[in-house]
Amino acid sequence: MAVHGPLTPISEELFAAVAQQARQSPRLRKNHNFHAESDLVQRFLNVLQPGTYVRPHRHVRTDPGSGFECFLVLQGSIGVLLLNDQGTVVQHERLESGGAIRGIQLQGGHFHTLVALESDSVMFELKQGPYEPLSDKDFLQHFPSEGSAAATEQERRWRALFSSAAAAPPPHR
């Protein structure tokens, strides 16, 4: 990626390069960070391919208002699912780069996951830093770990919630 002085372009070329990395990754997703792990604001592209499994998790921070995430889809479409403490999907929303809903802000402390609904889906994420790998996520423990057959099947079930044949999602709030 070319950096032009104080400007860092977020371009189609960058989308394509990171999407290629996501396709080659066993996880079928790839982040491209614009921040250092120690930065107080995390800014990054999250590129997802259909089939990627994001284990349900939440971000719990001690400072009020600090566990939020903001998602904005720049290319393709991504499904966001909110789950209760028992792991039941309580709300889901389709985010589309050219659709009526392109992004959301998620308050901290809510269990959630993502599914890629199109190949090479690109999402810009914004959340408070710094990134602390050992405490960043609180996972819903009864969901399978990444890379397992159970995780693959779970991702398929979640993605099916967004098919045209599926029931309409609960209204967004």
Protein backbone atom coordinates (compact mmCIF):
# COMPACT_ATOMS: atom_id res chain seq x y z
CA MET A 1 0.00 0.00 0.00
CA ALA A 2 1.38 3.38 -0.95
CA VAL A 3 1.42 6.06 1.72
CA HIS A 4 1.35 9.60 0.40
CA GLY A 5 2.66 11.85 3.17
CA PRO A 6 0.10 12.04 5.95
CA LEU A 7 -2.56 10.29 3.82
CA THR A 8 -3.08 6.53 3.75
CA PRO A 9 -5.30 5.56 0.80
CA ILE A 10 -8.07 3.02 1.39
CA SER A 11 -8.41 1.82 -2.19
CA GLU A 12 -9.80 -0.91 -4.42
CA GLU A 13 -6.20 -2.08 -4.82
CA LEU A 14 -5.92 -2.52 -1.05
CA PHE A 15 -9.29 -4.35 -0.91
CA ALA A 16 -8.11 -6.77 -3.61
CA ALA A 17 -4.76 -7.44 -1.92
CA VAL A 18 -6.30 -8.13 1.49
CA ALA A 19 -9.12 -10.20 -0.06
CA GLN A 20 -6.49 -12.38 -1.74
CA GLN A 21 -4.82 -12.91 1.64
CA ALA A 22 -8.20 -13.77 3.20
CA ARG A 23 -8.91 -16.35 0.47
CA GLN A 24 -5.53 -17.99 1.18
CA SER A 25 -5.93 -17.94 4.97
CA PRO A 26 -7.23 -21.08 6.71
CA ARG A 27 -9.52 -18.73 8.69
CA LEU A 28 -10.93 -17.22 5.44
CA ARG A 29 -10.47 -13.71 6.79
CA LYS A 30 -7.74 -11.13 7.17
CA ASN A 31 -7.36 -7.84 9.01
CA HIS A 32 -5.41 -4.91 7.65
CA ASN A 33 -4.57 -2.57 10.53
CA PHE A 34 -4.15 1.16 10.20
CA HIS A 35 -3.16 1.35 13.88
CA ALA A 36 -0.43 0.08 16.15
CA GLU A 37 -1.58 -2.32 18.88
CA SER A 38 -0.80 0.34 21.49
CA ASP A 39 -2.96 3.03 19.81
CA LEU A 40 -5.98 4.23 21.77
CA VAL A 41 -8.20 3.81 18.70
CA GLN A 42 -8.19 0.64 16.60
CA ARG A 43 -8.90 1.23 12.89
CA PHE A 44 -8.76 -1.62 10.42
CA LEU A 45 -10.22 -3.41 7.45
CA ASN A 46 -11.67 -6.83 8.19
CA VAL A 47 -12.00 -8.83 4.96
CA LEU A 48 -14.17 -11.94 5.22
CA GLN A 49 -14.93 -14.81 2.86
CA PRO A 50 -18.04 -17.02 3.08
CA GLY A 51 -17.29 -19.91 5.40
CA THR A 52 -15.23 -17.94 7.90
CA TYR A 53 -16.25 -18.74 11.48
CA VAL A 54 -16.09 -15.99 14.08
CA ARG A 55 -16.67 -17.51 17.51
CA PRO A 56 -19.32 -15.49 19.39
CA HIS A 57 -17.70 -13.03 21.75
CA ARG A 58 -18.14 -9.71 23.45
CA HIS A 59 -15.81 -6.91 24.41
CA VAL A 60 -15.93 -6.01 28.08
CA ARG A 61 -14.08 -2.92 29.18
CA THR A 62 -14.07 -1.26 32.57
CA ASP A 63 -14.48 2.33 31.33
CA PRO A 64 -18.08 3.31 30.48
CA GLY A 65 -18.71 3.43 26.72
CA SER A 66 -15.38 1.86 25.86
CA GLY A 67 -16.42 -1.61 24.62
CA PHE A 68 -18.23 -0.39 21.50
CA GLU A 69 -17.48 -1.44 17.93
CA CYS A 70 -18.43 0.36 14.75
CA PHE A 71 -18.77 -1.68 11.53
CA LEU A 72 -19.10 -0.13 8.06
CA VAL A 73 -19.27 -2.41 5.01
CA LEU A 74 -17.28 -0.97 2.10
CA GLN A 75 -17.65 -3.93 -0.30
CA GLY A 76 -19.97 -6.94 -0.36
CA SER A 77 -22.28 -7.89 2.50
CA ILE A 78 -21.85 -9.16 6.02
CA GLY A 79 -24.34 -10.50 8.54
CA VAL A 80 -24.08 -9.38 12.15
CA LEU A 81 -25.75 -11.56 14.77
CA LEU A 82 -26.40 -10.65 18.41
CA LEU A 83 -26.70 -13.50 20.89
CA ASN A 84 -27.88 -13.69 24.48
CA ASP A 85 -25.86 -15.31 27.28
CA GLN A 86 -27.34 -18.71 26.37
CA GLY A 87 -26.18 -18.39 22.74
CA THR A 88 -29.59 -17.80 21.16
CA VAL A 89 -29.64 -15.34 18.25
CA VAL A 90 -31.80 -12.44 19.42
CA GLN A 91 -31.21 -10.09 16.48
CA HIS A 92 -29.48 -10.16 13.14
CA GLU A 93 -28.78 -7.47 10.59
CA ARG A 94 -27.53 -7.57 7.00
CA LEU A 95 -24.97 -4.88 6.22
CA GLU A 96 -24.42 -4.19 2.49
CA SER A 97 -22.05 -1.79 0.78
CA GLY A 98 -24.81 -0.63 -1.56
CA GLY A 99 -27.77 -1.39 0.68
CA ALA A 100 -30.09 0.48 2.97
CA ILE A 101 -28.02 -0.48 6.03
CA ARG A 102 -24.28 -0.19 5.46
CA GLY A 103 -23.05 -0.18 9.02
CA ILE A 104 -23.88 -0.32 12.70
CA GLN A 105 -22.50 0.71 16.03
CA LEU A 106 -22.59 -2.10 18.59
CA GLN A 107 -22.57 -1.19 22.27
CA GLY A 108 -20.02 -2.97 24.43
CA GLY A 109 -20.86 -6.09 26.40
CA HIS A 110 -23.09 -7.77 23.77
CA PHE A 111 -22.22 -11.22 22.42
CA HIS A 112 -21.97 -11.11 18.64
CA THR A 113 -20.58 -12.83 15.58
CA LEU A 114 -20.20 -12.11 11.87
CA VAL A 115 -20.84 -14.09 8.69
CA ALA A 116 -19.65 -13.20 5.19
CA LEU A 117 -22.58 -13.20 2.79
CA GLU A 118 -20.51 -12.47 -0.34
CA SER A 119 -16.97 -13.22 -1.43
CA ASP A 120 -14.38 -10.54 -0.71
CA SER A 121 -16.60 -8.64 1.74
CA VAL A 122 -14.70 -5.69 3.21
CA MET A 123 -15.65 -4.03 6.46
CA PHE A 124 -14.04 -1.05 8.18
CA GLU A 125 -13.98 -1.50 11.96
CA LEU A 126 -13.42 1.10 14.61
CA LYS A 127 -13.12 0.41 18.34
CA GLN A 128 -11.27 1.62 21.38
CA GLY A 129 -7.75 0.40 21.95
CA PRO A 130 -5.20 -0.47 22.90
CA TYR A 131 -5.46 -4.03 21.65
CA GLU A 132 -4.81 -6.49 24.48
CA PRO A 133 -4.82 -10.01 22.98
CA LEU A 134 -5.29 -11.86 26.28
CA SER A 135 -8.32 -9.85 27.42
CA ASP A 136 -9.83 -8.39 24.24
CA LYS A 137 -12.59 -10.99 23.85
CA ASP A 138 -14.91 -12.83 26.22
CA PHE A 139 -16.07 -15.90 24.26
CA LEU A 140 -19.37 -17.73 24.65
CA GLN A 141 -17.84 -20.96 25.91
CA HIS A 142 -20.38 -23.48 24.60
CA PHE A 143 -19.66 -22.60 20.95
CA PRO A 144 -17.04 -24.60 19.04
CA SER A 145 -13.50 -23.41 18.53
CA GLU A 146 -12.32 -22.27 15.11
CA GLY A 147 -11.25 -24.96 12.68
CA SER A 148 -13.60 -27.69 13.89
CA ALA A 149 -16.31 -29.46 11.88
CA ALA A 150 -18.85 -28.17 14.42
CA ALA A 151 -17.71 -24.59 13.73
CA THR A 152 -18.19 -25.11 9.99
CA GLU A 153 -21.73 -26.37 10.54
CA GLN A 154 -22.54 -23.52 12.94
CA GLU A 155 -21.38 -20.93 10.41
CA ARG A 156 -23.63 -22.50 7.75
CA ARG A 157 -26.65 -22.28 10.07
CA TRP A 158 -25.96 -18.64 10.84
CA ARG A 159 -25.43 -17.77 7.18
CA ALA A 160 -28.74 -19.47 6.31
CA LEU A 161 -30.53 -16.90 8.49
CA PHE A 162 -29.75 -14.35 5.78
CA SER A 163 -30.94 -16.38 2.77
CA SER A 164 -33.99 -15.11 0.90
CA ALA A 165 -35.91 -18.21 2.00
CA ALA A 166 -35.26 -17.53 5.69
CA ALA A 167 -37.76 -15.72 7.84
CA ALA A 168 -37.44 -11.96 8.00
CA PRO A 169 -34.98 -10.84 10.66
CA PRO A 170 -36.24 -9.05 13.76
CA PRO A 171 -36.49 -5.31 13.10
CA HIS A 172 -33.40 -3.28 13.88
CA ARG A 173 -33.66 -0.84 16.71
